[in-house]
Amino acid sequence: MTIDPLALLPEVNRATDRLFRTVDGLDDAAIGEPSLLPGWTRGHVLTHLARNADGFVNLLTSVRTGEEIPQYPSLAVRNADIAAGAARPAAVHLADLRASAERFAEAARALSPEGWAAQVRSTRGILPAAALTWGRLREVEVHHVDLAAGYRTADWPDAFGQRLLHEVVHHLAERDDPLALVLLPAETGQPLTINSGRGRPVGIPASESGPELRTVAGPAHELAGWLTGRSTGTGLVVTPTGPLPAPPAWI
């Protein structure tokens, strides 16, 4: 997908401000309560978000200075930092989130137009630096839902829900996942087919060959939330009628 990092930076800032408001409403006891992520409390999620911002700062700084700086020293260090920071008081979490978000924003502002075209080595592999703003927006919006503190996929901006849905469909196609169906986002009515070589959309004559693919229709945020494990898919309509298939594991 085309990525305009400068256009996305205001979206990152707005999403981060929404996150701040949610965290500001949590007390110390709430920080220790379970998140939607198995084995992680809200404190784990918040610490991960702060260290993710710093990891992206490392990559942006690497591009700007020419020095090889990894996103994290290692995944073991990353995991240890998350575990160590999870039980901190709510006020400390909020201050850490604010400071790390400002470091990310400053590093993004400091990067030249040419720098955004450079390649970086993230934990997800080689990608253009321009992808980091979308990566940060995705982290903030998805993990905000993971806090299980009142922010839902329905609260995602429409553009984010649409973009995330398209990204997930693209990744499933790259993985050749056994899931095969047609998604029909209500906002656009534009069908998105996963693994089209394994069947045909509902309503296409059998002479076109291949088994009939199920169609799953509903709001883009609900489709994206279901495919990423952030929603049960309540309200999605399956044709022919039947249960939603189990979505594959997402990043």
Protein backbone atom coordinates (compact mmCIF):
# COMPACT_ATOMS: atom_id res chain seq x y z
CA MET A 1 0.00 0.00 0.00
CA THR A 2 1.11 3.57 -0.66
CA ILE A 3 2.41 5.24 2.46
CA ASP A 4 2.69 8.99 3.05
CA PRO A 5 4.49 9.26 6.40
CA LEU A 6 4.04 13.01 6.78
CA ALA A 7 0.29 12.79 6.15
CA LEU A 8 -0.01 10.04 8.76
CA LEU A 9 1.88 11.85 11.53
CA PRO A 10 -1.15 13.96 12.56
CA GLU A 11 -3.18 10.74 12.73
CA VAL A 12 -0.54 9.23 15.01
CA ASN A 13 -0.74 12.30 17.25
CA ARG A 14 -4.54 12.18 17.45
CA ALA A 15 -4.55 8.44 18.18
CA THR A 16 -1.93 8.96 20.87
CA ASP A 17 -3.97 11.73 22.48
CA ARG A 18 -6.96 9.38 22.63
CA LEU A 19 -4.74 6.79 24.31
CA PHE A 20 -3.54 9.38 26.85
CA ARG A 21 -7.13 10.18 27.80
CA THR A 22 -7.90 6.51 28.42
CA VAL A 23 -4.77 5.94 30.50
CA ASP A 24 -5.42 9.11 32.49
CA GLY A 25 -8.65 7.49 33.66
CA LEU A 26 -6.94 4.36 35.01
CA ASP A 27 -5.82 3.98 38.63
CA ASP A 28 -3.01 1.77 39.91
CA ALA A 29 -5.33 -1.18 40.50
CA ALA A 30 -6.67 -1.01 36.93
CA ILE A 31 -3.13 -1.09 35.55
CA GLY A 32 -2.68 -4.57 37.03
CA GLU A 33 -5.90 -5.98 35.58
CA PRO A 34 -5.87 -8.29 32.54
CA SER A 35 -5.75 -6.89 29.02
CA LEU A 36 -7.15 -8.64 25.97
CA LEU A 37 -3.71 -10.15 25.33
CA PRO A 38 -3.23 -13.52 27.06
CA GLY A 39 -0.81 -13.27 29.99
CA TRP A 40 -0.50 -9.48 29.77
CA THR A 41 -1.95 -6.92 32.14
CA ARG A 42 -2.76 -3.41 31.02
CA GLY A 43 0.64 -2.45 32.40
CA HIS A 44 2.33 -4.85 29.99
CA VAL A 45 0.46 -3.32 27.04
CA LEU A 46 1.33 0.24 28.08
CA THR A 47 4.99 -0.57 28.63
CA HIS A 48 5.11 -2.28 25.24
CA LEU A 49 3.64 0.83 23.60
CA ALA A 50 6.24 3.09 25.19
CA ARG A 51 9.16 0.82 24.26
CA ASN A 52 7.75 0.41 20.74
CA ALA A 53 7.93 4.18 20.31
CA ASP A 54 11.54 4.13 21.47
CA GLY A 55 12.31 1.23 19.13
CA PHE A 56 11.01 3.25 16.20
CA VAL A 57 13.08 6.21 17.39
CA ASN A 58 16.13 3.96 17.17
CA LEU A 59 15.32 3.09 13.55
CA LEU A 60 14.66 6.70 12.55
CA THR A 61 17.86 7.82 14.28
CA SER A 62 19.76 5.09 12.45
CA VAL A 63 18.55 6.48 9.12
CA ARG A 64 19.36 10.08 10.07
CA THR A 65 22.84 9.42 11.43
CA GLY A 66 23.93 6.48 9.30
CA GLU A 67 24.77 4.55 12.47
CA GLU A 68 23.48 0.98 12.72
CA ILE A 69 21.00 1.07 15.61
CA PRO A 70 18.67 -1.93 16.07
CA GLN A 71 15.04 -1.46 16.99
CA TYR A 72 15.72 -3.36 20.23
CA PRO A 73 19.02 -4.71 21.58
CA SER A 74 17.35 -8.13 21.33
CA LEU A 75 13.88 -9.61 21.68
CA ALA A 76 14.94 -10.96 25.07
CA VAL A 77 15.80 -7.45 26.26
CA ARG A 78 12.54 -6.12 24.81
CA ASN A 79 10.50 -8.75 26.66
CA ALA A 80 12.43 -8.17 29.89
CA ASP A 81 11.82 -4.42 29.69
CA ILE A 82 8.08 -5.00 29.23
CA ALA A 83 7.95 -7.37 32.20
CA ALA A 84 9.97 -5.02 34.38
CA GLY A 85 7.81 -2.00 33.62
CA ALA A 86 4.37 -3.57 33.77
CA ALA A 87 3.68 -3.05 37.50
CA ARG A 88 4.57 0.64 37.64
CA PRO A 89 1.95 3.11 38.96
CA ALA A 90 -0.55 4.57 36.51
CA ALA A 91 1.00 8.04 36.66
CA VAL A 92 4.41 6.64 35.76
CA HIS A 93 2.95 4.76 32.80
CA LEU A 94 1.26 7.91 31.52
CA ALA A 95 4.44 9.97 31.88
CA ASP A 96 6.44 7.26 30.06
CA LEU A 97 3.90 7.14 27.24
CA ARG A 98 3.98 10.93 26.86
CA ALA A 99 7.77 11.12 26.86
CA SER A 100 8.27 8.25 24.43
CA ALA A 101 5.59 9.62 22.09
CA GLU A 102 7.33 12.98 22.03
CA ARG A 103 10.66 11.29 21.26
CA PHE A 104 9.03 9.52 18.32
CA ALA A 105 7.45 12.73 17.04
CA GLU A 106 10.76 14.58 17.34
CA ALA A 107 12.67 11.83 15.51
CA ALA A 108 10.07 11.87 12.72
CA ARG A 109 10.28 15.65 12.39
CA ALA A 110 14.07 15.45 12.15
CA LEU A 111 14.08 13.02 9.22
CA SER A 112 14.69 14.45 5.75
CA PRO A 113 12.40 13.63 2.80
CA GLU A 114 15.17 11.42 1.42
CA GLY A 115 15.45 9.61 4.73
CA TRP A 116 11.89 8.36 4.56
CA ALA A 117 12.81 6.35 1.46
CA ALA A 118 15.65 4.55 3.24
CA GLN A 119 15.35 0.91 4.30
CA VAL A 120 15.36 -0.11 7.97
CA ARG A 121 15.61 -3.51 9.62
CA SER A 122 12.73 -3.88 12.07
CA THR A 123 11.59 -6.89 14.03
CA ARG A 124 9.22 -7.55 11.10
CA GLY A 125 12.03 -7.52 8.54
CA ILE A 126 13.30 -4.99 6.03
CA LEU A 127 10.91 -2.14 5.26
CA PRO A 128 11.05 1.52 4.21
CA ALA A 129 11.35 4.09 6.96
CA ALA A 130 8.11 5.57 5.62
CA ALA A 131 6.29 2.50 6.94
CA LEU A 132 7.15 3.39 10.53
CA THR A 133 4.46 6.04 10.88
CA TRP A 134 1.78 3.57 9.81
CA GLY A 135 3.39 0.97 12.05
CA ARG A 136 3.19 3.31 15.02
CA LEU A 137 -0.42 4.27 14.26
CA ARG A 138 -1.35 0.60 14.04
CA GLU A 139 0.38 -0.16 17.35
CA VAL A 140 -1.40 2.66 19.17
CA GLU A 141 -4.87 1.98 17.77
CA VAL A 142 -4.84 -1.81 18.10
CA HIS A 143 -3.24 -1.90 21.55
CA HIS A 144 -5.59 0.82 22.75
CA VAL A 145 -8.36 -1.73 22.16
CA ASP A 146 -6.25 -4.36 23.93
CA LEU A 147 -6.41 -2.31 27.14
CA ALA A 148 -10.07 -3.40 27.51
CA ALA A 149 -10.76 0.01 29.02
CA GLY A 150 -13.70 1.15 26.90
CA TYR A 151 -11.99 1.83 23.57
CA ARG A 152 -13.32 -0.53 20.89
CA THR A 153 -12.77 -1.18 17.22
CA ALA A 154 -15.89 0.91 16.58
CA ASP A 155 -13.93 3.87 17.92
CA TRP A 156 -11.27 3.54 15.24
CA PRO A 157 -11.40 6.30 12.61
CA ASP A 158 -12.96 5.02 9.40
CA ALA A 159 -9.76 5.49 7.41
CA PHE A 160 -7.78 3.45 9.92
CA GLY A 161 -10.27 0.59 9.90
CA GLN A 162 -10.26 0.47 6.11
CA ARG A 163 -6.47 0.59 5.87
CA LEU A 164 -5.99 -2.08 8.52
CA LEU A 165 -8.51 -4.34 6.80
CA HIS A 166 -6.70 -4.02 3.47
CA GLU A 167 -3.35 -4.70 5.13
CA VAL A 168 -4.60 -7.85 6.85
CA VAL A 169 -6.11 -9.15 3.60
CA HIS A 170 -2.81 -8.47 1.82
CA HIS A 171 -0.84 -10.33 4.49
CA LEU A 172 -3.18 -13.31 4.37
CA ALA A 173 -2.71 -13.49 0.60
CA GLU A 174 1.08 -13.39 1.03
CA ARG A 175 0.94 -16.22 3.56
CA ASP A 176 -1.34 -18.35 1.38
CA ASP A 177 -3.45 -18.95 4.45
CA PRO A 178 -6.10 -21.68 4.19
CA LEU A 179 -8.80 -19.12 5.05
CA ALA A 180 -10.70 -18.42 1.81
CA LEU A 181 -13.65 -16.03 1.68
CA VAL A 182 -14.95 -12.70 0.41
CA LEU A 183 -15.09 -9.71 2.75
CA LEU A 184 -17.67 -7.02 2.03
CA PRO A 185 -17.07 -3.78 3.99
CA ALA A 186 -20.32 -1.89 4.37
CA GLU A 187 -18.73 1.52 3.85
CA THR A 188 -17.51 0.87 0.31
CA GLY A 189 -19.32 -2.23 -0.91
CA GLN A 190 -16.04 -3.18 -2.57
CA PRO A 191 -15.41 -6.94 -2.11
CA LEU A 192 -12.02 -8.08 -0.84
CA THR A 193 -11.29 -11.70 -1.71
CA ILE A 194 -8.90 -13.81 0.34
CA ASN A 195 -7.29 -16.66 -1.61
CA SER A 196 -9.48 -16.19 -4.69
CA GLY A 197 -7.84 -19.18 -6.40
CA ARG A 198 -9.60 -21.50 -3.99
CA GLY A 199 -13.16 -20.72 -4.98
CA ARG A 200 -15.63 -18.25 -6.42
CA PRO A 201 -17.69 -15.55 -4.69
CA VAL A 202 -21.30 -16.35 -3.81
CA GLY A 203 -23.57 -15.87 -6.80
CA ILE A 204 -20.98 -16.62 -9.48
CA PRO A 205 -22.16 -19.55 -11.65
CA ALA A 206 -20.70 -22.95 -10.84
CA SER A 207 -19.45 -23.12 -14.42
CA GLU A 208 -16.78 -20.63 -13.36
CA SER A 209 -15.23 -23.56 -11.43
CA GLY A 210 -14.19 -23.82 -7.82
CA PRO A 211 -16.29 -24.17 -4.66
CA GLU A 212 -18.47 -21.26 -3.59
CA LEU A 213 -16.68 -18.88 -1.19
CA ARG A 214 -18.49 -17.61 1.86
CA THR A 215 -19.03 -13.85 2.09
CA VAL A 216 -18.59 -12.00 5.38
CA ALA A 217 -20.18 -8.55 5.41
CA GLY A 218 -20.18 -5.72 7.91
CA PRO A 219 -18.39 -2.52 8.93
CA ALA A 220 -14.69 -2.37 8.04
CA HIS A 221 -13.69 -1.91 11.68
CA GLU A 222 -15.60 -5.06 12.67
CA LEU A 223 -14.08 -7.08 9.83
CA ALA A 224 -10.57 -5.86 10.71
CA GLY A 225 -11.20 -6.40 14.41
CA TRP A 226 -12.37 -9.96 13.84
CA LEU A 227 -9.44 -10.84 11.56
CA THR A 228 -6.92 -9.39 14.06
CA GLY A 229 -8.50 -11.07 17.07
CA ARG A 230 -9.73 -7.78 18.58
CA SER A 231 -13.42 -8.50 18.05
CA THR A 232 -15.65 -11.56 18.11
CA GLY A 233 -17.26 -10.40 14.87
CA THR A 234 -20.69 -9.92 16.42
CA GLY A 235 -22.90 -8.31 13.81
CA LEU A 236 -21.00 -9.63 10.81
CA VAL A 237 -23.24 -11.41 8.31
CA VAL A 238 -22.06 -14.69 6.77
CA THR A 239 -23.46 -15.89 3.44
CA PRO A 240 -24.33 -18.74 3.08
CA THR A 241 -25.51 -18.63 6.67
CA GLY A 242 -23.14 -20.27 9.11
CA PRO A 243 -20.60 -19.58 11.83
CA LEU A 244 -17.66 -17.27 11.28
CA PRO A 245 -14.50 -19.22 10.49
CA ALA A 246 -11.70 -18.98 13.02
CA PRO A 247 -9.32 -16.22 11.89
CA PRO A 248 -5.61 -17.09 11.64
CA ALA A 249 -3.07 -15.71 14.09
CA TRP A 250 -2.17 -12.10 13.27
CA ILE A 251 1.09 -10.26 13.91
